[in-house]
């Protein structure tokens, strides 16, 4: 089945878009996908070669956890506010101290 430029189709539950590479090697990601994945001019993408196809992954969606001074640091982007677990930790420590 041929894809129309920029018009998505679904194949085996996966949304597919046909895009064209211009003479300078650039490609345009459809606006709907740029909005969905929070991409704008200058956004960084990872290009992976997997078997016989290419995969583009927005860099901000990769798990960017690293260790610094004995702590795990998350350097990615959260979709919502990170919950404050300090009260849960205090309750747990109180329960443990009663053992």
C-alpha atoms as a PDB file:
ATOM      1  CA  UNK A   1       0.000   0.000   0.000  1.00  0.00           C
ATOM      2  CA  UNK A   2       1.426   3.383  -0.987  1.00  0.00           C
ATOM      3  CA  UNK A   3       1.552   6.160   1.573  1.00  0.00           C
ATOM      4  CA  UNK A   4       0.619   9.727   0.716  1.00  0.00           C
ATOM      5  CA  UNK A   5       3.207  12.289   1.767  1.00  0.00           C
ATOM      6  CA  UNK A   6       2.461  13.348   5.348  1.00  0.00           C
ATOM      7  CA  UNK A   7      -0.766  11.302   5.619  1.00  0.00           C
ATOM      8  CA  UNK A   8      -0.456   8.588   8.275  1.00  0.00           C
ATOM      9  CA  UNK A   9      -1.580   4.996   7.817  1.00  0.00           C
ATOM     10  CA  UNK A  10      -1.678   2.177  10.321  1.00  0.00           C
ATOM     11  CA  UNK A  11       0.103  -1.120   9.721  1.00  0.00           C
ATOM     12  CA  UNK A  12      -0.047  -3.858  12.392  1.00  0.00           C
ATOM     13  CA  UNK A  13      -1.084  -1.238  14.953  1.00  0.00           C
ATOM     14  CA  UNK A  14       1.885   1.015  14.148  1.00  0.00           C
ATOM     15  CA  UNK A  15       1.314   4.490  12.743  1.00  0.00           C
ATOM     16  CA  UNK A  16       3.407   5.120   9.643  1.00  0.00           C
ATOM     17  CA  UNK A  17       4.141   8.379   7.832  1.00  0.00           C
ATOM     18  CA  UNK A  18       5.850   8.682   4.480  1.00  0.00           C
ATOM     19  CA  UNK A  19       8.374  11.492   4.334  1.00  0.00           C
ATOM     20  CA  UNK A  20      10.908  12.528   1.700  1.00  0.00           C
ATOM     21  CA  UNK A  21      14.567  13.413   2.100  1.00  0.00           C
ATOM     22  CA  UNK A  22      15.446  16.571   0.168  1.00  0.00           C
ATOM     23  CA  UNK A  23      18.578  17.112  -1.931  1.00  0.00           C
ATOM     24  CA  UNK A  24      20.443  18.401   1.145  1.00  0.00           C
ATOM     25  CA  UNK A  25      19.631  15.256   3.150  1.00  0.00           C
ATOM     26  CA  UNK A  26      16.957  16.910   5.323  1.00  0.00           C
ATOM     27  CA  UNK A  27      13.594  15.444   6.176  1.00  0.00           C
ATOM     28  CA  UNK A  28      10.498  17.065   7.618  1.00  0.00           C
ATOM     29  CA  UNK A  29       8.701  15.419  10.530  1.00  0.00           C
ATOM     30  CA  UNK A  30       4.925  15.957  10.209  1.00  0.00           C
ATOM     31  CA  UNK A  31       3.533  18.690  12.457  1.00  0.00           C
ATOM     32  CA  UNK A  32       1.240  16.300  14.366  1.00  0.00           C
ATOM     33  CA  UNK A  33       4.245  14.175  15.365  1.00  0.00           C
ATOM     34  CA  UNK A  34       6.328  17.226  16.312  1.00  0.00           C
ATOM     35  CA  UNK A  35       3.528  18.344  18.638  1.00  0.00           C
ATOM     36  CA  UNK A  36       2.963  14.867  20.085  1.00  0.00           C
ATOM     37  CA  UNK A  37       6.653  14.370  20.866  1.00  0.00           C
ATOM     38  CA  UNK A  38       7.356  18.005  21.894  1.00  0.00           C
ATOM     39  CA  UNK A  39       9.815  18.618  19.040  1.00  0.00           C
ATOM     40  CA  UNK A  40      10.770  22.016  17.668  1.00  0.00           C
ATOM     41  CA  UNK A  41      13.603  23.498  15.641  1.00  0.00           C
ATOM     42  CA  UNK A  42      16.897  22.411  17.171  1.00  0.00           C
ATOM     43  CA  UNK A  43      15.432  19.370  18.983  1.00  0.00           C
ATOM     44  CA  UNK A  44      17.910  16.520  19.273  1.00  0.00           C
ATOM     45  CA  UNK A  45      17.040  13.068  17.925  1.00  0.00           C
ATOM     46  CA  UNK A  46      18.885   9.761  18.128  1.00  0.00           C
ATOM     47  CA  UNK A  47      19.027   7.824  14.838  1.00  0.00           C
ATOM     48  CA  UNK A  48      19.312   4.063  15.334  1.00  0.00           C
ATOM     49  CA  UNK A  49      19.895   1.431  12.711  1.00  0.00           C
ATOM     50  CA  UNK A  50      17.892  -1.691  13.615  1.00  0.00           C
ATOM     51  CA  UNK A  51      18.196  -4.630  11.218  1.00  0.00           C
ATOM     52  CA  UNK A  52      16.899  -3.276   7.896  1.00  0.00           C
ATOM     53  CA  UNK A  53      15.267  -0.050   9.112  1.00  0.00           C
ATOM     54  CA  UNK A  54      15.972   3.288  10.805  1.00  0.00           C
ATOM     55  CA  UNK A  55      14.427   4.489  14.051  1.00  0.00           C
ATOM     56  CA  UNK A  56      14.328   8.128  15.239  1.00  0.00           C
ATOM     57  CA  UNK A  57      14.066   8.639  19.002  1.00  0.00           C
ATOM     58  CA  UNK A  58      13.615  12.075  20.601  1.00  0.00           C
ATOM     59  CA  UNK A  59      16.605  12.445  22.913  1.00  0.00           C
ATOM     60  CA  UNK A  60      14.473  13.811  25.755  1.00  0.00           C
ATOM     61  CA  UNK A  61      12.520  10.518  25.861  1.00  0.00           C
ATOM     62  CA  UNK A  62      15.591   8.405  26.589  1.00  0.00           C
ATOM     63  CA  UNK A  63      16.244   7.389  30.151  1.00  0.00           C
ATOM     64  CA  UNK A  64      19.039   9.681  31.225  1.00  0.00           C
ATOM     65  CA  UNK A  65      19.894   8.292  34.649  1.00  0.00           C
ATOM     66  CA  UNK A  66      23.455   8.556  35.836  1.00  0.00           C
ATOM     67  CA  UNK A  67      25.286   8.396  39.135  1.00  0.00           C
ATOM     68  CA  UNK A  68      26.798  11.477  40.721  1.00  0.00           C
ATOM     69  CA  UNK A  69      28.360  11.503  44.187  1.00  0.00           C
ATOM     70  CA  UNK A  70      26.534   8.294  45.128  1.00  0.00           C
ATOM     71  CA  UNK A  71      23.119   9.534  43.991  1.00  0.00           C
ATOM     72  CA  UNK A  72      21.137   8.529  40.927  1.00  0.00           C
ATOM     73  CA  UNK A  73      20.408  11.634  38.852  1.00  0.00           C
ATOM     74  CA  UNK A  74      17.563  11.696  36.311  1.00  0.00           C
ATOM     75  CA  UNK A  75      18.321  14.086  33.464  1.00  0.00           C
ATOM     76  CA  UNK A  76      15.269  13.422  31.292  1.00  0.00           C
ATOM     77  CA  UNK A  77      11.963  15.181  30.956  1.00  0.00           C
ATOM     78  CA  UNK A  78       8.987  14.323  33.177  1.00  0.00           C
ATOM     79  CA  UNK A  79       5.464  14.531  31.795  1.00  0.00           C
ATOM     80  CA  UNK A  80       4.057  15.540  35.174  1.00  0.00           C
ATOM     81  CA  UNK A  81       5.270  16.779  38.538  1.00  0.00           C
ATOM     82  CA  UNK A  82       7.459  14.329  40.439  1.00  0.00           C
ATOM     83  CA  UNK A  83       5.649  13.155  43.595  1.00  0.00           C
ATOM     84  CA  UNK A  84       7.148  14.094  46.948  1.00  0.00           C
ATOM     85  CA  UNK A  85       7.759  10.843  48.832  1.00  0.00           C
ATOM     86  CA  UNK A  86       9.374  12.357  51.905  1.00  0.00           C
ATOM     87  CA  UNK A  87       6.298  11.790  54.112  1.00  0.00           C
ATOM     88  CA  UNK A  88       6.118   8.145  53.006  1.00  0.00           C
ATOM     89  CA  UNK A  89       9.794   7.750  53.834  1.00  0.00           C
ATOM     90  CA  UNK A  90       9.263   9.237  57.301  1.00  0.00           C
ATOM     91  CA  UNK A  91       6.346   6.856  57.964  1.00  0.00           C
ATOM     92  CA  UNK A  92       8.434   3.887  56.855  1.00  0.00           C
ATOM     93  CA  UNK A  93      11.350   4.912  59.060  1.00  0.00           C
ATOM     94  CA  UNK A  94       8.953   5.301  62.027  1.00  0.00           C
ATOM     95  CA  UNK A  95       7.560   1.787  61.451  1.00  0.00           C
ATOM     96  CA  UNK A  96      11.058   0.345  61.152  1.00  0.00           C
ATOM     97  CA  UNK A  97      12.194   2.027  64.368  1.00  0.00           C
ATOM     98  CA  UNK A  98       9.354   0.256  66.254  1.00  0.00           C
ATOM     99  CA  UNK A  99      10.628  -3.201  65.301  1.00  0.00           C
END
